[in-house]
N, C-alpha and C. Protein backbone atom coordinates (compact mmCIF):
# COMPACT_ATOMS: atom_id res chain seq x y z
N MET A 1 10.76 11.19 6.85
CA MET A 1 11.28 10.06 6.07
C MET A 1 10.84 8.76 6.74
N ASN A 2 10.56 7.76 5.95
CA ASN A 2 10.10 6.47 6.45
C ASN A 2 11.27 5.64 6.96
N SER A 3 11.12 5.10 8.15
CA SER A 3 12.10 4.17 8.70
C SER A 3 11.94 2.82 8.00
N LEU A 4 13.04 2.14 7.78
CA LEU A 4 12.98 0.84 7.12
C LEU A 4 12.30 -0.21 7.98
N LYS A 5 12.26 -0.02 9.28
CA LYS A 5 11.60 -0.97 10.18
C LYS A 5 10.11 -0.66 10.34
N GLN A 6 9.68 0.49 9.82
CA GLN A 6 8.29 0.92 9.95
C GLN A 6 7.33 -0.08 9.32
N LYS A 7 6.18 -0.25 9.97
CA LYS A 7 5.12 -1.09 9.44
C LYS A 7 3.85 -0.27 9.36
N TYR A 8 2.95 -0.70 8.49
CA TYR A 8 1.68 -0.02 8.30
C TYR A 8 0.56 -1.04 8.36
N LYS A 9 -0.64 -0.56 8.60
CA LYS A 9 -1.81 -1.41 8.49
C LYS A 9 -2.79 -0.71 7.58
N LYS A 10 -3.65 -1.50 6.94
CA LYS A 10 -4.62 -0.91 6.03
C LYS A 10 -5.74 -0.28 6.83
N ASN A 11 -6.32 0.75 6.26
CA ASN A 11 -7.50 1.38 6.83
C ASN A 11 -8.62 0.34 6.82
N GLU A 12 -9.24 0.11 7.94
CA GLU A 12 -10.28 -0.91 8.04
C GLU A 12 -11.52 -0.58 7.23
N ASN A 13 -11.64 0.66 6.79
CA ASN A 13 -12.79 1.07 5.99
C ASN A 13 -12.53 0.97 4.49
N ILE A 14 -11.46 0.29 4.12
CA ILE A 14 -11.10 0.12 2.71
C ILE A 14 -10.92 -1.36 2.42
N VAL A 15 -11.46 -1.77 1.27
CA VAL A 15 -11.27 -3.15 0.82
C VAL A 15 -10.72 -3.14 -0.59
N LEU A 16 -9.93 -4.16 -0.91
CA LEU A 16 -9.41 -4.35 -2.26
C LEU A 16 -10.31 -5.34 -2.96
N ARG A 17 -10.80 -4.96 -4.12
CA ARG A 17 -11.67 -5.84 -4.91
C ARG A 17 -11.19 -5.86 -6.35
N GLU A 18 -11.34 -7.04 -6.98
CA GLU A 18 -11.07 -7.14 -8.42
C GLU A 18 -12.42 -7.06 -9.13
N ILE A 19 -12.56 -6.03 -9.94
CA ILE A 19 -13.81 -5.79 -10.67
C ILE A 19 -13.46 -5.59 -12.14
N ALA A 20 -13.99 -6.45 -12.98
CA ALA A 20 -13.75 -6.36 -14.43
C ALA A 20 -12.25 -6.26 -14.73
N GLU A 21 -11.48 -7.15 -14.10
CA GLU A 21 -10.03 -7.24 -14.30
C GLU A 21 -9.26 -6.02 -13.81
N ASN A 22 -9.89 -5.17 -12.99
CA ASN A 22 -9.23 -4.03 -12.37
C ASN A 22 -9.19 -4.24 -10.87
N ASN A 23 -8.07 -3.89 -10.26
CA ASN A 23 -7.93 -3.97 -8.81
C ASN A 23 -8.27 -2.60 -8.24
N ILE A 24 -9.30 -2.57 -7.41
CA ILE A 24 -9.85 -1.30 -6.94
C ILE A 24 -9.92 -1.27 -5.42
N LEU A 25 -9.50 -0.13 -4.85
CA LEU A 25 -9.70 0.11 -3.43
C LEU A 25 -11.03 0.82 -3.28
N LEU A 26 -11.91 0.24 -2.47
CA LEU A 26 -13.23 0.81 -2.23
C LEU A 26 -13.35 1.22 -0.77
N PHE A 27 -13.85 2.42 -0.54
CA PHE A 27 -14.13 2.86 0.82
C PHE A 27 -15.48 2.31 1.23
N ILE A 28 -15.54 1.67 2.38
CA ILE A 28 -16.80 1.13 2.86
C ILE A 28 -17.30 1.89 4.07
N GLY A 29 -16.70 3.05 4.34
CA GLY A 29 -17.11 3.89 5.47
C GLY A 29 -18.45 4.54 5.21
N ARG A 30 -18.93 5.23 6.19
CA ARG A 30 -20.25 5.85 6.10
C ARG A 30 -20.21 7.28 5.61
N LYS A 31 -19.07 7.91 5.59
CA LYS A 31 -18.98 9.28 5.09
C LYS A 31 -19.29 9.30 3.60
N SER A 32 -20.12 10.18 3.19
CA SER A 32 -20.48 10.23 1.77
C SER A 32 -19.28 10.62 0.91
N SER A 33 -18.37 11.44 1.45
CA SER A 33 -17.19 11.82 0.68
C SER A 33 -16.28 10.63 0.43
N ASP A 34 -16.21 9.70 1.41
CA ASP A 34 -15.40 8.50 1.24
C ASP A 34 -16.04 7.53 0.26
N GLN A 35 -17.35 7.42 0.30
CA GLN A 35 -18.05 6.47 -0.56
C GLN A 35 -17.92 6.82 -2.02
N ASN A 36 -17.61 8.05 -2.33
CA ASN A 36 -17.46 8.47 -3.72
C ASN A 36 -16.03 8.31 -4.22
N SER A 37 -15.16 7.74 -3.40
CA SER A 37 -13.76 7.60 -3.75
C SER A 37 -13.45 6.16 -4.16
N ILE A 38 -12.88 6.02 -5.34
CA ILE A 38 -12.45 4.71 -5.83
C ILE A 38 -11.05 4.90 -6.40
N PHE A 39 -10.16 3.99 -6.05
CA PHE A 39 -8.78 4.06 -6.53
C PHE A 39 -8.41 2.75 -7.20
N THR A 40 -7.88 2.84 -8.40
CA THR A 40 -7.44 1.66 -9.14
C THR A 40 -5.96 1.44 -8.86
N LEU A 41 -5.60 0.19 -8.57
CA LEU A 41 -4.21 -0.16 -8.30
C LEU A 41 -3.64 -1.01 -9.42
N ASN A 42 -2.38 -0.72 -9.78
CA ASN A 42 -1.70 -1.59 -10.74
C ASN A 42 -1.15 -2.80 -9.98
N ALA A 43 -0.56 -3.73 -10.70
CA ALA A 43 -0.07 -4.97 -10.10
C ALA A 43 0.97 -4.72 -9.01
N THR A 44 1.81 -3.73 -9.20
CA THR A 44 2.83 -3.39 -8.21
C THR A 44 2.19 -2.90 -6.93
N ALA A 45 1.20 -2.03 -7.05
CA ALA A 45 0.52 -1.50 -5.87
C ALA A 45 -0.28 -2.59 -5.16
N VAL A 46 -0.86 -3.53 -5.91
CA VAL A 46 -1.57 -4.65 -5.30
C VAL A 46 -0.59 -5.50 -4.49
N MET A 47 0.58 -5.74 -5.04
CA MET A 47 1.60 -6.51 -4.32
C MET A 47 1.95 -5.81 -3.01
N LEU A 48 2.12 -4.50 -3.05
CA LEU A 48 2.43 -3.72 -1.85
C LEU A 48 1.27 -3.82 -0.85
N TRP A 49 0.04 -3.67 -1.33
CA TRP A 49 -1.13 -3.75 -0.46
C TRP A 49 -1.17 -5.09 0.29
N LYS A 50 -0.87 -6.17 -0.43
CA LYS A 50 -0.88 -7.50 0.18
C LYS A 50 0.25 -7.65 1.21
N MET A 51 1.38 -6.99 0.96
CA MET A 51 2.47 -7.02 1.94
C MET A 51 2.08 -6.26 3.20
N ILE A 52 1.36 -5.16 3.03
CA ILE A 52 0.87 -4.40 4.18
C ILE A 52 -0.08 -5.27 5.00
N GLU A 53 -0.95 -6.00 4.32
CA GLU A 53 -1.88 -6.90 5.02
C GLU A 53 -1.13 -7.98 5.80
N LYS A 54 0.04 -8.37 5.32
CA LYS A 54 0.84 -9.41 5.97
C LYS A 54 1.83 -8.84 6.98
N ASN A 55 1.73 -7.53 7.25
CA ASN A 55 2.54 -6.87 8.28
C ASN A 55 4.03 -6.79 7.94
N PHE A 56 4.35 -6.65 6.65
CA PHE A 56 5.74 -6.49 6.22
C PHE A 56 6.26 -5.12 6.68
N SER A 57 7.52 -5.06 7.03
CA SER A 57 8.18 -3.77 7.27
C SER A 57 8.54 -3.16 5.91
N VAL A 58 8.86 -1.88 5.92
CA VAL A 58 9.29 -1.22 4.69
C VAL A 58 10.50 -1.94 4.10
N GLU A 59 11.42 -2.33 4.96
CA GLU A 59 12.62 -3.04 4.51
C GLU A 59 12.26 -4.36 3.82
N ASP A 60 11.31 -5.10 4.41
CA ASP A 60 10.87 -6.36 3.80
C ASP A 60 10.20 -6.13 2.45
N MET A 61 9.44 -5.04 2.36
CA MET A 61 8.79 -4.69 1.09
C MET A 61 9.84 -4.41 0.01
N ILE A 62 10.83 -3.64 0.37
CA ILE A 62 11.90 -3.30 -0.58
C ILE A 62 12.61 -4.57 -1.05
N ASN A 63 12.97 -5.43 -0.11
CA ASN A 63 13.66 -6.67 -0.47
C ASN A 63 12.80 -7.56 -1.36
N SER A 64 11.50 -7.59 -1.11
CA SER A 64 10.59 -8.37 -1.95
C SER A 64 10.52 -7.80 -3.36
N PHE A 65 10.48 -6.47 -3.48
CA PHE A 65 10.45 -5.84 -4.80
C PHE A 65 11.74 -6.11 -5.56
N ILE A 66 12.87 -6.06 -4.87
CA ILE A 66 14.16 -6.34 -5.52
C ILE A 66 14.15 -7.76 -6.09
N LYS A 67 13.68 -8.70 -5.29
CA LYS A 67 13.65 -10.10 -5.72
C LYS A 67 12.64 -10.32 -6.85
N GLU A 68 11.45 -9.76 -6.70
CA GLU A 68 10.38 -9.98 -7.68
C GLU A 68 10.66 -9.31 -9.02
N PHE A 69 11.15 -8.07 -8.98
CA PHE A 69 11.31 -7.29 -10.20
C PHE A 69 12.75 -7.16 -10.67
N GLN A 70 13.68 -7.73 -9.90
CA GLN A 70 15.10 -7.70 -10.24
C GLN A 70 15.58 -6.28 -10.54
N VAL A 71 15.29 -5.38 -9.60
CA VAL A 71 15.69 -3.98 -9.73
C VAL A 71 16.72 -3.66 -8.66
N GLU A 72 17.39 -2.54 -8.85
CA GLU A 72 18.37 -2.08 -7.87
C GLU A 72 17.67 -1.58 -6.62
N TYR A 73 18.42 -1.56 -5.53
CA TYR A 73 17.88 -1.14 -4.24
C TYR A 73 17.20 0.22 -4.31
N GLN A 74 17.87 1.21 -4.88
CA GLN A 74 17.34 2.58 -4.87
C GLN A 74 16.01 2.68 -5.63
N ILE A 75 15.89 1.95 -6.71
CA ILE A 75 14.64 1.96 -7.49
C ILE A 75 13.51 1.35 -6.65
N ALA A 76 13.78 0.20 -6.03
CA ALA A 76 12.77 -0.45 -5.20
C ALA A 76 12.40 0.46 -4.02
N HIS A 77 13.39 1.03 -3.38
CA HIS A 77 13.17 1.93 -2.24
C HIS A 77 12.28 3.10 -2.65
N ASP A 78 12.64 3.77 -3.72
CA ASP A 78 11.88 4.96 -4.15
C ASP A 78 10.45 4.59 -4.54
N ASP A 79 10.28 3.47 -5.23
CA ASP A 79 8.93 3.03 -5.63
C ASP A 79 8.08 2.72 -4.40
N ILE A 80 8.64 2.01 -3.44
CA ILE A 80 7.90 1.66 -2.23
C ILE A 80 7.51 2.92 -1.46
N ILE A 81 8.46 3.82 -1.26
CA ILE A 81 8.18 5.05 -0.51
C ILE A 81 7.11 5.87 -1.22
N ASN A 82 7.19 5.97 -2.53
CA ASN A 82 6.18 6.73 -3.28
C ASN A 82 4.80 6.09 -3.15
N LEU A 83 4.72 4.77 -3.28
CA LEU A 83 3.44 4.08 -3.14
C LEU A 83 2.88 4.23 -1.73
N LEU A 84 3.73 4.09 -0.73
CA LEU A 84 3.28 4.26 0.65
C LEU A 84 2.75 5.67 0.88
N ASN A 85 3.45 6.66 0.36
CA ASN A 85 3.00 8.04 0.51
C ASN A 85 1.66 8.28 -0.17
N GLU A 86 1.48 7.69 -1.35
CA GLU A 86 0.19 7.81 -2.03
C GLU A 86 -0.93 7.18 -1.21
N LEU A 87 -0.67 6.01 -0.65
CA LEU A 87 -1.67 5.34 0.17
C LEU A 87 -1.95 6.11 1.46
N LYS A 88 -0.93 6.72 2.04
CA LYS A 88 -1.14 7.55 3.23
C LYS A 88 -1.97 8.78 2.88
N ASN A 89 -1.71 9.37 1.72
CA ASN A 89 -2.42 10.59 1.31
C ASN A 89 -3.92 10.37 1.12
N ILE A 90 -4.32 9.17 0.77
CA ILE A 90 -5.74 8.88 0.61
C ILE A 90 -6.31 8.21 1.87
N ASN A 91 -5.52 8.21 2.94
CA ASN A 91 -5.90 7.55 4.19
C ASN A 91 -6.17 6.06 3.99
N GLY A 92 -5.42 5.47 3.08
CA GLY A 92 -5.57 4.04 2.82
C GLY A 92 -4.80 3.17 3.79
N ILE A 93 -3.73 3.73 4.36
CA ILE A 93 -2.93 2.99 5.33
C ILE A 93 -2.64 3.88 6.53
N ILE A 94 -2.33 3.22 7.62
CA ILE A 94 -2.06 3.90 8.88
C ILE A 94 -0.75 3.36 9.44
N GLN A 95 0.11 4.25 9.88
CA GLN A 95 1.39 3.85 10.47
C GLN A 95 1.12 3.15 11.79
N ILE A 96 1.76 2.01 11.98
CA ILE A 96 1.65 1.30 13.25
C ILE A 96 2.61 1.95 14.23
N LYS A 97 2.08 2.41 15.32
CA LYS A 97 2.91 3.10 16.31
C LYS A 97 3.80 2.12 17.04
N GLY A 98 5.01 2.59 17.37
CA GLY A 98 5.93 1.77 18.12
C GLY A 98 6.88 0.96 17.28
N ASP A 99 6.66 0.94 15.94
CA ASP A 99 7.56 0.20 15.05
C ASP A 99 8.55 1.15 14.43
């Protein structure tokens, strides 16, 4: 389970680009398997990605989602955890040790 104080950093081999009005994560690594991977992010996932870039904790992300989308705590929590898990599964983010 994710700690609310936990922080993540983005994989340095991934960049977020807006292409034809789509927000896309592109792998810029040298592995051919990575280069064939493209992931499209919705506005919510882009907001989360930008919070990760700004070193937000999970708790800060949840509070930002509550404020931005005017949702209950549990909904924001579940959405954040699900998005973080998806990003971890594609090696898009890395847990910062010690947090």
